[in-house]
C-alpha atoms as a PDB file:
ATOM      1  CA  UNK A   1      -0.027   0.061  -0.067  1.00  0.00           C
ATOM      2  CA  UNK A   2       1.243   3.560  -0.924  1.00  0.00           C
ATOM      3  CA  UNK A   3       0.603   6.802   0.868  1.00  0.00           C
ATOM      4  CA  UNK A   4       0.701   9.463  -1.578  1.00  0.00           C
ATOM      5  CA  UNK A   5      -2.234  11.642  -0.344  1.00  0.00           C
ATOM      6  CA  UNK A   6      -4.099  11.725   2.880  1.00  0.00           C
ATOM      7  CA  UNK A   7      -7.254  10.691   0.983  1.00  0.00           C
ATOM      8  CA  UNK A   8      -5.444   7.333   0.446  1.00  0.00           C
ATOM      9  CA  UNK A   9      -6.393   6.613   4.097  1.00  0.00           C
ATOM     10  CA  UNK A  10      -9.864   6.337   5.286  1.00  0.00           C
ATOM     11  CA  UNK A  11     -11.052   7.011   8.863  1.00  0.00           C
ATOM     12  CA  UNK A  12     -10.593   3.520   9.948  1.00  0.00           C
ATOM     13  CA  UNK A  13      -7.038   3.458   8.531  1.00  0.00           C
ATOM     14  CA  UNK A  14      -6.211   6.642  10.426  1.00  0.00           C
ATOM     15  CA  UNK A  15      -7.701   5.448  13.788  1.00  0.00           C
ATOM     16  CA  UNK A  16      -5.476   2.226  13.521  1.00  0.00           C
ATOM     17  CA  UNK A  17      -2.362   4.178  12.871  1.00  0.00           C
ATOM     18  CA  UNK A  18      -3.270   6.383  15.827  1.00  0.00           C
ATOM     19  CA  UNK A  19      -3.783   3.425  18.114  1.00  0.00           C
ATOM     20  CA  UNK A  20      -0.456   2.067  17.126  1.00  0.00           C
ATOM     21  CA  UNK A  21       1.123   5.574  17.761  1.00  0.00           C
ATOM     22  CA  UNK A  22      -0.424   5.672  21.235  1.00  0.00           C
ATOM     23  CA  UNK A  23       0.970   2.126  22.039  1.00  0.00           C
ATOM     24  CA  UNK A  24       4.493   3.242  20.981  1.00  0.00           C
ATOM     25  CA  UNK A  25       4.183   6.429  22.941  1.00  0.00           C
ATOM     26  CA  UNK A  26       3.565   4.574  25.973  1.00  0.00           C
ATOM     27  CA  UNK A  27       6.346   2.153  25.424  1.00  0.00           C
ATOM     28  CA  UNK A  28       8.939   5.034  24.897  1.00  0.00           C
ATOM     29  CA  UNK A  29      10.853   4.250  27.920  1.00  0.00           C
ATOM     30  CA  UNK A  30      10.739   0.356  27.397  1.00  0.00           C
ATOM     31  CA  UNK A  31      12.150  -1.747  24.596  1.00  0.00           C
ATOM     32  CA  UNK A  32      10.304  -1.465  21.340  1.00  0.00           C
ATOM     33  CA  UNK A  33       8.903  -4.277  19.138  1.00  0.00           C
ATOM     34  CA  UNK A  34      11.584  -5.424  16.766  1.00  0.00           C
ATOM     35  CA  UNK A  35       8.915  -6.357  14.229  1.00  0.00           C
ATOM     36  CA  UNK A  36      10.761  -4.675  11.263  1.00  0.00           C
ATOM     37  CA  UNK A  37      14.200  -6.159  12.030  1.00  0.00           C
ATOM     38  CA  UNK A  38      14.475  -7.722   8.652  1.00  0.00           C
ATOM     39  CA  UNK A  39      13.057  -4.627   6.801  1.00  0.00           C
ATOM     40  CA  UNK A  40      14.907  -1.846   5.035  1.00  0.00           C
ATOM     41  CA  UNK A  41      13.683   1.740   4.365  1.00  0.00           C
ATOM     42  CA  UNK A  42      14.953   3.993   1.772  1.00  0.00           C
ATOM     43  CA  UNK A  43      14.928   7.693   2.522  1.00  0.00           C
ATOM     44  CA  UNK A  44      14.949   9.491  -0.784  1.00  0.00           C
ATOM     45  CA  UNK A  45      15.066  13.006  -0.507  1.00  0.00           C
ATOM     46  CA  UNK A  46      15.305  15.548  -3.543  1.00  0.00           C
ATOM     47  CA  UNK A  47      14.942  18.500  -0.922  1.00  0.00           C
ATOM     48  CA  UNK A  48      16.431  19.392   2.304  1.00  0.00           C
ATOM     49  CA  UNK A  49      14.792  17.903   5.414  1.00  0.00           C
ATOM     50  CA  UNK A  50      15.694  17.777   9.098  1.00  0.00           C
ATOM     51  CA  UNK A  51      12.575  16.512  10.895  1.00  0.00           C
ATOM     52  CA  UNK A  52      10.853  14.048   8.392  1.00  0.00           C
ATOM     53  CA  UNK A  53      14.104  12.369   7.312  1.00  0.00           C
ATOM     54  CA  UNK A  54      15.423  11.990  10.776  1.00  0.00           C
ATOM     55  CA  UNK A  55      12.164  10.894  12.369  1.00  0.00           C
ATOM     56  CA  UNK A  56      11.562   8.137   9.394  1.00  0.00           C
ATOM     57  CA  UNK A  57      15.129   6.961  10.149  1.00  0.00           C
ATOM     58  CA  UNK A  58      14.714   7.027  13.904  1.00  0.00           C
ATOM     59  CA  UNK A  59      11.234   5.092  13.623  1.00  0.00           C
ATOM     60  CA  UNK A  60      12.752   2.383  11.394  1.00  0.00           C
ATOM     61  CA  UNK A  61      15.773   1.855  13.658  1.00  0.00           C
ATOM     62  CA  UNK A  62      13.480   1.836  16.796  1.00  0.00           C
ATOM     63  CA  UNK A  63      11.737  -1.127  15.273  1.00  0.00           C
ATOM     64  CA  UNK A  64      14.749  -2.824  14.348  1.00  0.00           C
ATOM     65  CA  UNK A  65      15.002  -2.220  10.614  1.00  0.00           C
ATOM     66  CA  UNK A  66      17.708  -0.493   8.495  1.00  0.00           C
ATOM     67  CA  UNK A  67      17.840   2.736   6.448  1.00  0.00           C
ATOM     68  CA  UNK A  68      19.538   3.600   3.136  1.00  0.00           C
ATOM     69  CA  UNK A  69      19.949   7.329   3.624  1.00  0.00           C
ATOM     70  CA  UNK A  70      19.888   9.424   0.413  1.00  0.00           C
ATOM     71  CA  UNK A  71      19.343  12.727   2.097  1.00  0.00           C
ATOM     72  CA  UNK A  72      20.941  14.808  -0.607  1.00  0.00           C
ATOM     73  CA  UNK A  73      20.592  13.413  -4.217  1.00  0.00           C
ATOM     74  CA  UNK A  74      23.535  15.758  -5.114  1.00  0.00           C
ATOM     75  CA  UNK A  75      25.630  12.846  -4.130  1.00  0.00           C
ATOM     76  CA  UNK A  76      23.538  10.213  -6.150  1.00  0.00           C
ATOM     77  CA  UNK A  77      23.234   9.279  -9.825  1.00  0.00           C
ATOM     78  CA  UNK A  78      20.595  12.013 -10.199  1.00  0.00           C
ATOM     79  CA  UNK A  79      23.830  14.328 -10.895  1.00  0.00           C
ATOM     80  CA  UNK A  80      24.462  12.074 -13.804  1.00  0.00           C
ATOM     81  CA  UNK A  81      21.020  12.696 -15.381  1.00  0.00           C
ATOM     82  CA  UNK A  82      19.098   9.632 -13.758  1.00  0.00           C
ATOM     83  CA  UNK A  83      15.340  10.434 -13.953  1.00  0.00           C
ATOM     84  CA  UNK A  84      12.944   9.722 -10.949  1.00  0.00           C
ATOM     85  CA  UNK A  85      11.422   6.780 -12.572  1.00  0.00           C
ATOM     86  CA  UNK A  86      14.714   4.918 -12.718  1.00  0.00           C
ATOM     87  CA  UNK A  87      15.988   6.061  -9.357  1.00  0.00           C
ATOM     88  CA  UNK A  88      12.711   4.871  -7.630  1.00  0.00           C
ATOM     89  CA  UNK A  89      12.946   1.487  -9.600  1.00  0.00           C
ATOM     90  CA  UNK A  90      16.459   1.009  -8.583  1.00  0.00           C
ATOM     91  CA  UNK A  91      15.870   1.695  -5.006  1.00  0.00           C
ATOM     92  CA  UNK A  92      12.932  -0.859  -5.018  1.00  0.00           C
ATOM     93  CA  UNK A  93      15.547  -3.491  -5.686  1.00  0.00           C
ATOM     94  CA  UNK A  94      17.324  -2.889  -2.276  1.00  0.00           C
ATOM     95  CA  UNK A  95      14.566  -1.939   0.126  1.00  0.00           C
ATOM     96  CA  UNK A  96      11.065  -2.836   1.426  1.00  0.00           C
ATOM     97  CA  UNK A  97       9.629   0.824   1.539  1.00  0.00           C
ATOM     98  CA  UNK A  98      10.758   4.156  -0.004  1.00  0.00           C
ATOM     99  CA  UNK A  99      10.107   7.512   1.709  1.00  0.00           C
ATOM    100  CA  UNK A 100      10.221  10.124  -0.963  1.00  0.00           C
ATOM    101  CA  UNK A 101      10.670  13.907  -0.579  1.00  0.00           C
ATOM    102  CA  UNK A 102      10.447  15.520  -4.179  1.00  0.00           C
ATOM    103  CA  UNK A 103      10.385  19.040  -5.708  1.00  0.00           C
ATOM    104  CA  UNK A 104       7.128  19.022  -7.720  1.00  0.00           C
ATOM    105  CA  UNK A 105       3.655  18.437  -6.769  1.00  0.00           C
ATOM    106  CA  UNK A 106       2.553  15.120  -8.560  1.00  0.00           C
ATOM    107  CA  UNK A 107       6.042  13.449  -8.393  1.00  0.00           C
ATOM    108  CA  UNK A 108       4.974  11.139  -5.553  1.00  0.00           C
ATOM    109  CA  UNK A 109       1.875   9.913  -7.507  1.00  0.00           C
ATOM    110  CA  UNK A 110       4.021   9.178 -10.571  1.00  0.00           C
ATOM    111  CA  UNK A 111       6.768   7.541  -8.421  1.00  0.00           C
ATOM    112  CA  UNK A 112       4.148   5.248  -6.632  1.00  0.00           C
ATOM    113  CA  UNK A 113       2.987   4.149 -10.039  1.00  0.00           C
ATOM    114  CA  UNK A 114       6.305   2.771 -10.892  1.00  0.00           C
ATOM    115  CA  UNK A 115       7.570   1.577  -7.541  1.00  0.00           C
ATOM    116  CA  UNK A 116       7.776  -2.087  -6.858  1.00  0.00           C
ATOM    117  CA  UNK A 117       7.510  -1.443  -3.064  1.00  0.00           C
ATOM    118  CA  UNK A 118       5.331   0.626  -1.004  1.00  0.00           C
ATOM    119  CA  UNK A 119       6.020   4.405  -1.314  1.00  0.00           C
ATOM    120  CA  UNK A 120       5.390   7.101   1.227  1.00  0.00           C
ATOM    121  CA  UNK A 121       5.154  10.691   0.173  1.00  0.00           C
ATOM    122  CA  UNK A 122       7.284  12.853   2.448  1.00  0.00           C
ATOM    123  CA  UNK A 123       6.304  16.009   0.733  1.00  0.00           C
ATOM    124  CA  UNK A 124       5.974  16.632  -3.052  1.00  0.00           C
ATOM    125  CA  UNK A 125       6.625  20.243  -3.854  1.00  0.00           C
ATOM    126  CA  UNK A 126       3.795  22.451  -2.828  1.00  0.00           C
ATOM    127  CA  UNK A 127       1.383  19.416  -3.071  1.00  0.00           C
ATOM    128  CA  UNK A 128       0.718  17.225  -0.024  1.00  0.00           C
ATOM    129  CA  UNK A 129       2.636  16.056   2.999  1.00  0.00           C
ATOM    130  CA  UNK A 130       0.332  13.238   4.405  1.00  0.00           C
ATOM    131  CA  UNK A 131       2.415  11.962   7.087  1.00  0.00           C
ATOM    132  CA  UNK A 132       2.684  15.447   8.524  1.00  0.00           C
ATOM    133  CA  UNK A 133      -1.152  15.493   8.439  1.00  0.00           C
ATOM    134  CA  UNK A 134      -1.341  12.327  10.612  1.00  0.00           C
ATOM    135  CA  UNK A 135       0.888  13.735  13.167  1.00  0.00           C
ATOM    136  CA  UNK A 136      -0.846  17.083  13.109  1.00  0.00           C
ATOM    137  CA  UNK A 137      -4.317  15.275  13.538  1.00  0.00           C
ATOM    138  CA  UNK A 138      -2.780  13.172  16.236  1.00  0.00           C
ATOM    139  CA  UNK A 139      -1.441  16.223  18.204  1.00  0.00           C
ATOM    140  CA  UNK A 140      -4.826  17.903  17.941  1.00  0.00           C
ATOM    141  CA  UNK A 141      -6.675  14.785  19.161  1.00  0.00           C
ATOM    142  CA  UNK A 142      -4.204  14.234  21.930  1.00  0.00           C
ATOM    143  CA  UNK A 143      -5.082  17.859  23.157  1.00  0.00           C
ATOM    144  CA  UNK A 144      -8.787  18.083  22.551  1.00  0.00           C
ATOM    145  CA  UNK A 145      -9.804  14.252  22.288  1.00  0.00           C
ATOM    146  CA  UNK A 146     -11.840  15.341  19.263  1.00  0.00           C
ATOM    147  CA  UNK A 147     -11.453  17.068  15.741  1.00  0.00           C
ATOM    148  CA  UNK A 148     -15.173  17.845  14.999  1.00  0.00           C
ATOM    149  CA  UNK A 149     -16.431  21.157  16.624  1.00  0.00           C
ATOM    150  CA  UNK A 150     -13.053  22.855  16.763  1.00  0.00           C
ATOM    151  CA  UNK A 151     -11.973  26.040  15.047  1.00  0.00           C
ATOM    152  CA  UNK A 152      -8.605  26.058  13.388  1.00  0.00           C
ATOM    153  CA  UNK A 153      -6.860  29.231  12.006  1.00  0.00           C
ATOM    154  CA  UNK A 154      -4.160  28.725   9.331  1.00  0.00           C
ATOM    155  CA  UNK A 155      -1.698  31.721   8.980  1.00  0.00           C
ATOM    156  CA  UNK A 156       1.243  32.450   6.685  1.00  0.00           C
ATOM    157  CA  UNK A 157       2.345  31.184   3.412  1.00  0.00           C
ATOM    158  CA  UNK A 158      -0.792  29.062   2.792  1.00  0.00           C
ATOM    159  CA  UNK A 159      -0.485  28.888  -0.925  1.00  0.00           C
ATOM    160  CA  UNK A 160       2.878  27.008  -0.788  1.00  0.00           C
ATOM    161  CA  UNK A 161       2.218  25.013   2.373  1.00  0.00           C
ATOM    162  CA  UNK A 162       1.813  21.286   1.497  1.00  0.00           C
ATOM    163  CA  UNK A 163       1.174  20.499   5.221  1.00  0.00           C
ATOM    164  CA  UNK A 164      -1.881  22.920   5.164  1.00  0.00           C
ATOM    165  CA  UNK A 165      -3.103  21.514   1.836  1.00  0.00           C
ATOM    166  CA  UNK A 166      -3.118  17.898   3.166  1.00  0.00           C
ATOM    167  CA  UNK A 167      -4.684  18.953   6.709  1.00  0.00           C
ATOM    168  CA  UNK A 168      -7.440  20.917   4.811  1.00  0.00           C
ATOM    169  CA  UNK A 169      -8.519  17.734   2.804  1.00  0.00           C
ATOM    170  CA  UNK A 170      -9.125  15.890   6.125  1.00  0.00           C
ATOM    171  CA  UNK A 171     -10.918  18.958   7.719  1.00  0.00           C
ATOM    172  CA  UNK A 172     -13.295  19.316   4.553  1.00  0.00           C
ATOM    173  CA  UNK A 173     -14.674  15.696   5.377  1.00  0.00           C
ATOM    174  CA  UNK A 174     -15.489  16.789   8.898  1.00  0.00           C
ATOM    175  CA  UNK A 175     -18.987  18.265   8.849  1.00  0.00           C
ATOM    176  CA  UNK A 176     -18.580  20.203  12.103  1.00  0.00           C
ATOM    177  CA  UNK A 177     -14.993  21.401  11.993  1.00  0.00           C
ATOM    178  CA  UNK A 178     -14.425  25.042  11.151  1.00  0.00           C
ATOM    179  CA  UNK A 179     -11.171  26.637   9.514  1.00  0.00           C
ATOM    180  CA  UNK A 180     -10.178  29.755   8.248  1.00  0.00           C
ATOM    181  CA  UNK A 181      -7.032  31.000   6.345  1.00  0.00           C
ATOM    182  CA  UNK A 182      -5.408  34.332   6.755  1.00  0.00           C
ATOM    183  CA  UNK A 183      -2.323  36.039   5.120  1.00  0.00           C
ATOM    184  CA  UNK A 184      -2.965  39.105   7.165  1.00  0.00           C
ATOM    185  CA  UNK A 185      -1.995  38.364  10.694  1.00  0.00           C
ATOM    186  CA  UNK A 186      -2.608  41.855  12.204  1.00  0.00           C
ATOM    187  CA  UNK A 187      -5.165  40.075  14.141  1.00  0.00           C
ATOM    188  CA  UNK A 188      -5.995  36.367  14.899  1.00  0.00           C
ATOM    189  CA  UNK A 189      -9.493  35.402  15.531  1.00  0.00           C
ATOM    190  CA  UNK A 190     -10.295  33.232  18.579  1.00  0.00           C
ATOM    191  CA  UNK A 191      -9.543  29.725  17.835  1.00  0.00           C
ATOM    192  CA  UNK A 192      -8.723  26.361  19.343  1.00  0.00           C
ATOM    193  CA  UNK A 193      -5.694  25.717  17.009  1.00  0.00           C
ATOM    194  CA  UNK A 194      -3.411  28.304  15.402  1.00  0.00           C
ATOM    195  CA  UNK A 195      -1.410  26.605  12.791  1.00  0.00           C
ATOM    196  CA  UNK A 196       1.521  28.961  11.527  1.00  0.00           C
ATOM    197  CA  UNK A 197       3.676  28.304   8.733  1.00  0.00           C
ATOM    198  CA  UNK A 198       6.778  29.949   7.389  1.00  0.00           C
ATOM    199  CA  UNK A 199       7.277  32.086   4.353  1.00  0.00           C
ATOM    200  CA  UNK A 200       8.543  29.815   1.677  1.00  0.00           C
ATOM    201  CA  UNK A 201      10.932  31.968  -0.272  1.00  0.00           C
ATOM    202  CA  UNK A 202      12.386  28.965  -2.058  1.00  0.00           C
ATOM    203  CA  UNK A 203       9.139  28.878  -3.873  1.00  0.00           C
ATOM    204  CA  UNK A 204       8.923  32.649  -4.604  1.00  0.00           C
ATOM    205  CA  UNK A 205       6.898  33.901  -1.732  1.00  0.00           C
ATOM    206  CA  UNK A 206       7.861  37.283   0.033  1.00  0.00           C
ATOM    207  CA  UNK A 207       7.074  39.302   3.129  1.00  0.00           C
ATOM    208  CA  UNK A 208       7.256  38.211   6.808  1.00  0.00           C
ATOM    209  CA  UNK A 209       5.209  38.063   9.857  1.00  0.00           C
ATOM    210  CA  UNK A 210       5.511  37.385  13.616  1.00  0.00           C
ATOM    211  CA  UNK A 211       3.434  36.371  16.529  1.00  0.00           C
ATOM    212  CA  UNK A 212       3.253  39.242  18.846  1.00  0.00           C
ATOM    213  CA  UNK A 213       2.618  39.614  22.523  1.00  0.00           C
ATOM    214  CA  UNK A 214      -0.622  41.257  21.586  1.00  0.00           C
ATOM    215  CA  UNK A 215      -1.759  38.154  19.577  1.00  0.00           C
ATOM    216  CA  UNK A 216      -0.835  35.880  22.592  1.00  0.00           C
ATOM    217  CA  UNK A 217      -2.798  38.021  24.965  1.00  0.00           C
ATOM    218  CA  UNK A 218      -5.972  37.435  22.867  1.00  0.00           C
ATOM    219  CA  UNK A 219      -5.459  33.788  22.421  1.00  0.00           C
ATOM    220  CA  UNK A 220      -7.853  31.516  24.515  1.00  0.00           C
ATOM    221  CA  UNK A 221      -6.038  29.858  27.395  1.00  0.00           C
ATOM    222  CA  UNK A 222      -6.860  26.545  26.220  1.00  0.00           C
ATOM    223  CA  UNK A 223      -5.829  27.083  22.620  1.00  0.00           C
ATOM    224  CA  UNK A 224      -2.509  25.641  21.045  1.00  0.00           C
ATOM    225  CA  UNK A 225      -0.174  26.909  18.447  1.00  0.00           C
ATOM    226  CA  UNK A 226       1.281  24.409  15.955  1.00  0.00           C
ATOM    227  CA  UNK A 227       4.002  24.780  13.263  1.00  0.00           C
ATOM    228  CA  UNK A 228       5.398  22.169  10.914  1.00  0.00           C
ATOM    229  CA  UNK A 229       9.060  23.587  11.122  1.00  0.00           C
ATOM    230  CA  UNK A 230      11.464  24.837  10.265  1.00  0.00           C
ATOM    231  CA  UNK A 231      10.517  28.276  11.633  1.00  0.00           C
ATOM    232  CA  UNK A 232      12.040  31.644  10.726  1.00  0.00           C
ATOM    233  CA  UNK A 233      10.630  34.743  12.565  1.00  0.00           C
ATOM    234  CA  UNK A 234       7.059  33.866  12.677  1.00  0.00           C
ATOM    235  CA  UNK A 235       7.293  32.282  16.199  1.00  0.00           C
ATOM    236  CA  UNK A 236       9.707  34.249  18.540  1.00  0.00           C
ATOM    237  CA  UNK A 237      11.549  31.870  20.934  1.00  0.00           C
ATOM    238  CA  UNK A 238      10.200  33.681  24.059  1.00  0.00           C
ATOM    239  CA  UNK A 239       6.774  31.800  23.189  1.00  0.00           C
ATOM    240  CA  UNK A 240       8.322  28.500  23.540  1.00  0.00           C
ATOM    241  CA  UNK A 241       7.650  28.366  27.225  1.00  0.00           C
ATOM    242  CA  UNK A 242       4.158  29.279  26.777  1.00  0.00           C
ATOM    243  CA  UNK A 243       1.783  26.222  27.661  1.00  0.00           C
ATOM    244  CA  UNK A 244       0.017  26.882  24.441  1.00  0.00           C
ATOM    245  CA  UNK A 245       3.163  26.239  22.390  1.00  0.00           C
ATOM    246  CA  UNK A 246       2.672  22.638  21.028  1.00  0.00           C
ATOM    247  CA  UNK A 247       5.043  22.618  18.077  1.00  0.00           C
ATOM    248  CA  UNK A 248       7.825  20.486  19.933  1.00  0.00           C
ATOM    249  CA  UNK A 249       5.227  18.060  21.120  1.00  0.00           C
ATOM    250  CA  UNK A 250       3.912  18.044  17.483  1.00  0.00           C
ATOM    251  CA  UNK A 251       7.409  17.180  16.450  1.00  0.00           C
ATOM    252  CA  UNK A 252       7.940  14.436  18.796  1.00  0.00           C
ATOM    253  CA  UNK A 253       4.521  13.002  17.834  1.00  0.00           C
ATOM    254  CA  UNK A 254       6.102  12.542  14.316  1.00  0.00           C
ATOM    255  CA  UNK A 255       8.219   9.660  15.793  1.00  0.00           C
ATOM    256  CA  UNK A 256       5.286   7.668  17.021  1.00  0.00           C
ATOM    257  CA  UNK A 257       3.252   8.336  13.991  1.00  0.00           C
ATOM    258  CA  UNK A 258       5.953   7.294  11.626  1.00  0.00           C
ATOM    259  CA  UNK A 259       6.833   4.223  13.730  1.00  0.00           C
ATOM    260  CA  UNK A 260       2.990   3.367  13.598  1.00  0.00           C
ATOM    261  CA  UNK A 261       2.712   3.985   9.750  1.00  0.00           C
ATOM    262  CA  UNK A 262       5.883   1.881   9.024  1.00  0.00           C
ATOM    263  CA  UNK A 263       4.630  -1.145  11.086  1.00  0.00           C
ATOM    264  CA  UNK A 264       1.110  -0.831   9.556  1.00  0.00           C
ATOM    265  CA  UNK A 265       2.151  -0.565   5.925  1.00  0.00           C
ATOM    266  CA  UNK A 266       4.968  -3.270   6.282  1.00  0.00           C
END
């Protein structure tokens, strides 16, 4: 099974992954299952990554598996002119699952069609980032014990945010979940979740914005602030100690979710 878009998973699939993630989270101070000890993951990254590539590698190692790290295709046969199709087919000869970070929306869908092993989309240009969506949903659910009935505000470079694109697809399916998007962060409306993203200059976006003390003073006490990282100036470091800052917990949840996802797919 491939995970190219979050829509590849139905609600039962997501619940199954969440339950596995909860189990791994409880076991974090104990010995993990070695259920993937004979499996190999290929991290195939055409764009820079810190959290996604590292958490997938850590997830595989925690489960006893091995990793082929190609975190910079500059040092691969891509520099010799090898196309995506041939690279994916080649890696399928050596591994049991491919995690692909690509530069263009649609790359992951194309790669999944030619791959001989399960393929997980780790972000395709400004398309989607379904594993980020799973960990985002898990973080929200862990806090509020529900998704329906919540109000979520997306702020920042929404057009180029693949994390928002994926998350919105799930929220569209929820009849009683309200979300809004804003490029103007002069004021932020009362919300349960504030999901901030950086300005993606590598995709041609310009400008900047920053969470201010006035914003924070007007946020509900039980709200949370999320961010897929990396951050630039949009969240100042002084906010990190605020109990509403959930982005490092969000980041940690990425490990449990990706352990669960690999276990479930393989």
